[in-house]
N, C-alpha and C. Protein backbone atom coordinates (compact mmCIF):
# COMPACT_ATOMS: atom_id res chain seq x y z
N MET A 1 -43.14 -21.51 19.55
CA MET A 1 -44.13 -21.89 18.56
C MET A 1 -43.72 -23.17 17.84
N ASP A 2 -42.45 -23.58 17.96
CA ASP A 2 -41.99 -24.75 17.22
C ASP A 2 -42.65 -26.04 17.72
N ASP A 3 -42.58 -26.27 19.02
CA ASP A 3 -43.17 -27.50 19.56
C ASP A 3 -44.21 -27.22 20.64
N ASP A 4 -44.76 -26.01 20.66
CA ASP A 4 -45.80 -25.68 21.63
C ASP A 4 -47.02 -26.57 21.48
N TRP A 5 -47.28 -27.02 20.27
CA TRP A 5 -48.46 -27.84 20.04
C TRP A 5 -48.39 -29.13 20.85
N ALA A 6 -47.18 -29.66 21.09
CA ALA A 6 -47.06 -30.90 21.86
C ALA A 6 -47.51 -30.67 23.30
N TYR A 7 -47.15 -29.53 23.86
CA TYR A 7 -47.57 -29.22 25.23
C TYR A 7 -49.06 -28.90 25.28
N ALA A 8 -49.55 -28.22 24.25
CA ALA A 8 -50.98 -27.91 24.18
C ALA A 8 -51.80 -29.18 24.05
N LEU A 9 -51.29 -30.17 23.33
CA LEU A 9 -52.01 -31.44 23.20
C LEU A 9 -52.06 -32.18 24.54
N SER A 10 -51.03 -32.01 25.37
CA SER A 10 -51.07 -32.60 26.71
C SER A 10 -52.20 -31.99 27.52
N VAL A 11 -52.40 -30.69 27.38
CA VAL A 11 -53.52 -30.02 28.07
C VAL A 11 -54.84 -30.52 27.52
N ARG A 12 -54.96 -30.60 26.20
CA ARG A 12 -56.21 -31.08 25.60
C ARG A 12 -56.53 -32.50 26.05
N ARG A 13 -55.51 -33.35 26.08
CA ARG A 13 -55.72 -34.74 26.50
C ARG A 13 -56.17 -34.80 27.96
N LEU A 14 -55.61 -33.95 28.81
CA LEU A 14 -56.03 -33.89 30.21
C LEU A 14 -57.48 -33.43 30.32
N LEU A 15 -57.87 -32.45 29.52
CA LEU A 15 -59.25 -31.98 29.53
C LEU A 15 -60.22 -33.05 29.04
N GLU A 16 -59.82 -33.80 28.03
CA GLU A 16 -60.72 -34.81 27.45
C GLU A 16 -60.84 -36.07 28.28
N THR A 17 -59.71 -36.53 28.85
CA THR A 17 -59.72 -37.81 29.54
C THR A 17 -59.67 -37.68 31.06
N GLY A 18 -59.21 -36.52 31.55
CA GLY A 18 -59.05 -36.35 33.00
C GLY A 18 -57.76 -36.97 33.52
N LYS A 19 -56.91 -37.45 32.63
CA LYS A 19 -55.65 -38.07 33.03
C LYS A 19 -54.49 -37.32 32.38
N TYR A 20 -53.43 -37.14 33.17
CA TYR A 20 -52.23 -36.50 32.64
C TYR A 20 -51.43 -37.54 31.86
N GLN A 21 -51.13 -37.21 30.60
CA GLN A 21 -50.28 -38.06 29.79
C GLN A 21 -49.33 -37.18 29.02
N TRP A 22 -48.07 -37.39 29.25
CA TRP A 22 -47.03 -36.63 28.61
C TRP A 22 -47.00 -36.98 27.12
N HIS A 23 -46.99 -35.97 26.24
CA HIS A 23 -46.97 -36.20 24.80
C HIS A 23 -45.58 -36.69 24.39
N ASP A 24 -45.55 -37.64 23.48
CA ASP A 24 -44.28 -38.24 23.05
C ASP A 24 -43.32 -37.23 22.42
N TRP A 25 -43.85 -36.22 21.77
CA TRP A 25 -43.01 -35.25 21.09
C TRP A 25 -42.40 -34.22 22.04
N ALA A 26 -43.04 -34.00 23.19
CA ALA A 26 -42.56 -32.99 24.14
C ALA A 26 -41.21 -33.41 24.71
N SER A 27 -40.30 -32.46 24.84
CA SER A 27 -38.97 -32.79 25.36
C SER A 27 -38.91 -32.69 26.88
N ALA A 28 -39.74 -31.88 27.48
CA ALA A 28 -39.74 -31.73 28.93
C ALA A 28 -41.07 -32.20 29.50
N ASN A 29 -41.01 -32.87 30.62
CA ASN A 29 -42.21 -33.34 31.30
C ASN A 29 -42.67 -32.23 32.25
N MET A 30 -43.80 -31.61 31.97
CA MET A 30 -44.24 -30.45 32.74
C MET A 30 -45.66 -30.64 33.27
N PRO A 31 -45.83 -31.47 34.30
CA PRO A 31 -47.19 -31.71 34.80
C PRO A 31 -47.84 -30.47 35.40
N PHE A 32 -47.09 -29.64 36.14
CA PHE A 32 -47.71 -28.45 36.73
C PHE A 32 -48.26 -27.53 35.65
N GLN A 33 -47.47 -27.26 34.62
CA GLN A 33 -47.93 -26.37 33.56
C GLN A 33 -49.12 -26.96 32.81
N THR A 34 -49.16 -28.27 32.68
CA THR A 34 -50.29 -28.91 32.01
C THR A 34 -51.56 -28.73 32.82
N TYR A 35 -51.49 -28.97 34.13
CA TYR A 35 -52.66 -28.77 34.98
C TYR A 35 -53.04 -27.29 35.04
N TRP A 36 -52.05 -26.42 35.08
CA TRP A 36 -52.29 -24.97 35.10
C TRP A 36 -53.01 -24.54 33.81
N GLY A 37 -52.53 -25.02 32.67
CA GLY A 37 -53.18 -24.71 31.40
C GLY A 37 -54.59 -25.28 31.32
N ALA A 38 -54.79 -26.47 31.89
CA ALA A 38 -56.13 -27.07 31.90
C ALA A 38 -57.08 -26.25 32.77
N LEU A 39 -56.58 -25.74 33.89
CA LEU A 39 -57.41 -24.90 34.75
C LEU A 39 -57.85 -23.65 33.99
N TRP A 40 -56.94 -22.99 33.32
CA TRP A 40 -57.27 -21.81 32.55
C TRP A 40 -58.21 -22.15 31.39
N SER A 41 -58.01 -23.33 30.80
CA SER A 41 -58.87 -23.74 29.69
C SER A 41 -60.28 -24.08 30.15
N ARG A 42 -60.44 -24.47 31.38
CA ARG A 42 -61.78 -24.70 31.92
C ARG A 42 -62.48 -23.37 32.22
N ILE A 43 -61.71 -22.39 32.66
CA ILE A 43 -62.29 -21.07 32.94
C ILE A 43 -62.64 -20.36 31.64
N ALA A 44 -61.67 -20.31 30.73
CA ALA A 44 -61.91 -19.74 29.39
C ALA A 44 -62.07 -20.93 28.44
N GLU A 45 -61.87 -20.74 27.19
CA GLU A 45 -61.94 -21.87 26.27
C GLU A 45 -60.54 -22.35 25.95
N TYR A 46 -60.41 -23.59 25.54
CA TYR A 46 -59.11 -24.15 25.17
C TYR A 46 -58.65 -23.51 23.87
N SER A 47 -57.52 -22.82 23.93
CA SER A 47 -56.92 -22.23 22.73
C SER A 47 -55.47 -21.88 23.05
N PHE A 48 -54.71 -21.65 22.01
CA PHE A 48 -53.32 -21.23 22.22
C PHE A 48 -53.27 -19.88 22.94
N ALA A 49 -54.22 -19.02 22.65
CA ALA A 49 -54.26 -17.71 23.31
C ALA A 49 -54.47 -17.87 24.81
N THR A 50 -55.37 -18.75 25.21
CA THR A 50 -55.61 -19.00 26.63
C THR A 50 -54.36 -19.56 27.29
N LEU A 51 -53.71 -20.51 26.63
CA LEU A 51 -52.49 -21.09 27.20
C LEU A 51 -51.37 -20.06 27.27
N ARG A 52 -51.29 -19.18 26.29
CA ARG A 52 -50.29 -18.12 26.30
C ARG A 52 -50.53 -17.16 27.47
N LEU A 53 -51.80 -16.81 27.70
CA LEU A 53 -52.12 -15.93 28.83
C LEU A 53 -51.78 -16.59 30.16
N SER A 54 -52.02 -17.89 30.26
CA SER A 54 -51.69 -18.58 31.52
C SER A 54 -50.18 -18.55 31.76
N THR A 55 -49.41 -18.68 30.69
CA THR A 55 -47.95 -18.63 30.81
C THR A 55 -47.49 -17.22 31.19
N LEU A 56 -48.08 -16.21 30.59
CA LEU A 56 -47.72 -14.83 30.93
C LEU A 56 -48.07 -14.51 32.38
N PHE A 57 -49.19 -15.04 32.87
CA PHE A 57 -49.57 -14.84 34.26
C PHE A 57 -48.54 -15.48 35.19
N LEU A 58 -48.08 -16.69 34.86
CA LEU A 58 -47.05 -17.34 35.67
C LEU A 58 -45.74 -16.55 35.64
N ALA A 59 -45.41 -16.00 34.47
CA ALA A 59 -44.19 -15.21 34.37
C ALA A 59 -44.27 -13.96 35.25
N LEU A 60 -45.41 -13.30 35.23
CA LEU A 60 -45.60 -12.13 36.08
C LEU A 60 -45.51 -12.50 37.57
N ALA A 61 -46.13 -13.61 37.93
CA ALA A 61 -46.06 -14.07 39.32
C ALA A 61 -44.62 -14.39 39.71
N GLY A 62 -43.85 -14.96 38.79
CA GLY A 62 -42.45 -15.25 39.06
C GLY A 62 -41.62 -14.00 39.26
N ILE A 63 -41.87 -12.98 38.45
CA ILE A 63 -41.13 -11.72 38.59
C ILE A 63 -41.46 -11.05 39.91
N ILE A 64 -42.73 -11.03 40.27
CA ILE A 64 -43.13 -10.45 41.55
C ILE A 64 -42.55 -11.26 42.70
N GLY A 65 -42.54 -12.58 42.55
CA GLY A 65 -41.98 -13.45 43.59
C GLY A 65 -40.49 -13.22 43.78
N ILE A 66 -39.74 -13.07 42.68
CA ILE A 66 -38.30 -12.82 42.77
C ILE A 66 -38.04 -11.47 43.43
N TYR A 67 -38.84 -10.48 43.08
CA TYR A 67 -38.69 -9.17 43.72
C TYR A 67 -38.94 -9.29 45.23
N GLY A 68 -40.01 -9.97 45.61
CA GLY A 68 -40.31 -10.14 47.04
C GLY A 68 -39.23 -10.93 47.76
N LEU A 69 -38.70 -11.95 47.12
CA LEU A 69 -37.64 -12.74 47.72
C LEU A 69 -36.37 -11.92 47.90
N ALA A 70 -36.06 -11.10 46.91
CA ALA A 70 -34.89 -10.23 47.03
C ALA A 70 -35.06 -9.23 48.16
N ARG A 71 -36.25 -8.67 48.31
CA ARG A 71 -36.50 -7.72 49.42
C ARG A 71 -36.43 -8.45 50.76
N GLU A 72 -36.91 -9.69 50.79
CA GLU A 72 -36.86 -10.47 52.03
C GLU A 72 -35.42 -10.74 52.46
N HIS A 73 -34.53 -10.83 51.49
CA HIS A 73 -33.11 -11.04 51.79
C HIS A 73 -32.36 -9.72 51.94
N ARG A 74 -33.10 -8.70 52.29
CA ARG A 74 -32.58 -7.38 52.64
C ARG A 74 -31.84 -6.66 51.51
N MET A 75 -32.22 -6.94 50.28
CA MET A 75 -31.68 -6.17 49.17
C MET A 75 -32.41 -4.84 49.13
N SER A 76 -31.73 -3.82 48.66
CA SER A 76 -32.38 -2.52 48.53
C SER A 76 -33.47 -2.59 47.47
N ASP A 77 -34.35 -1.62 47.51
CA ASP A 77 -35.44 -1.59 46.53
C ASP A 77 -34.89 -1.53 45.12
N ARG A 78 -33.86 -0.75 44.91
CA ARG A 78 -33.25 -0.61 43.59
C ARG A 78 -32.62 -1.92 43.13
N SER A 79 -31.87 -2.58 44.00
CA SER A 79 -31.24 -3.85 43.65
C SER A 79 -32.27 -4.93 43.36
N ALA A 80 -33.31 -5.00 44.17
CA ALA A 80 -34.38 -5.98 43.96
C ALA A 80 -35.07 -5.72 42.63
N SER A 81 -35.25 -4.45 42.29
CA SER A 81 -35.87 -4.11 41.00
C SER A 81 -34.99 -4.54 39.83
N VAL A 82 -33.68 -4.36 39.98
CA VAL A 82 -32.74 -4.77 38.93
C VAL A 82 -32.79 -6.29 38.74
N VAL A 83 -32.84 -7.03 39.85
CA VAL A 83 -32.93 -8.49 39.77
C VAL A 83 -34.22 -8.90 39.07
N ALA A 84 -35.33 -8.27 39.42
CA ALA A 84 -36.62 -8.59 38.79
C ALA A 84 -36.61 -8.22 37.31
N LEU A 85 -36.03 -7.09 36.97
CA LEU A 85 -35.93 -6.70 35.56
C LEU A 85 -35.02 -7.62 34.78
N ALA A 86 -33.96 -8.12 35.42
CA ALA A 86 -33.07 -9.09 34.75
C ALA A 86 -33.84 -10.36 34.42
N LEU A 87 -34.68 -10.81 35.34
CA LEU A 87 -35.50 -11.98 35.08
C LEU A 87 -36.49 -11.70 33.95
N LEU A 88 -37.04 -10.51 33.93
CA LEU A 88 -37.98 -10.12 32.88
C LEU A 88 -37.30 -10.17 31.51
N CYS A 89 -36.05 -9.72 31.46
CA CYS A 89 -35.32 -9.72 30.18
C CYS A 89 -35.04 -11.12 29.74
């Protein structure tokens, strides 16, 4: 919540102008997350809640992806679950 507004303004600027421009205050350059947030903002309305939901969806996809990757590398179901839960924590 400290500097989330800088990333949210990057999404708003993309929605308004159609061009990606990294906000000067943001410490990390995150074009994928900006486009992802803009996609969600086009589907729903632009708000911090919408951007938060888009981030939670990516987090869930990442946890499922790590679990699948662990199973693909022949980890047991229990071990893969522990790895996924560690990422969740």
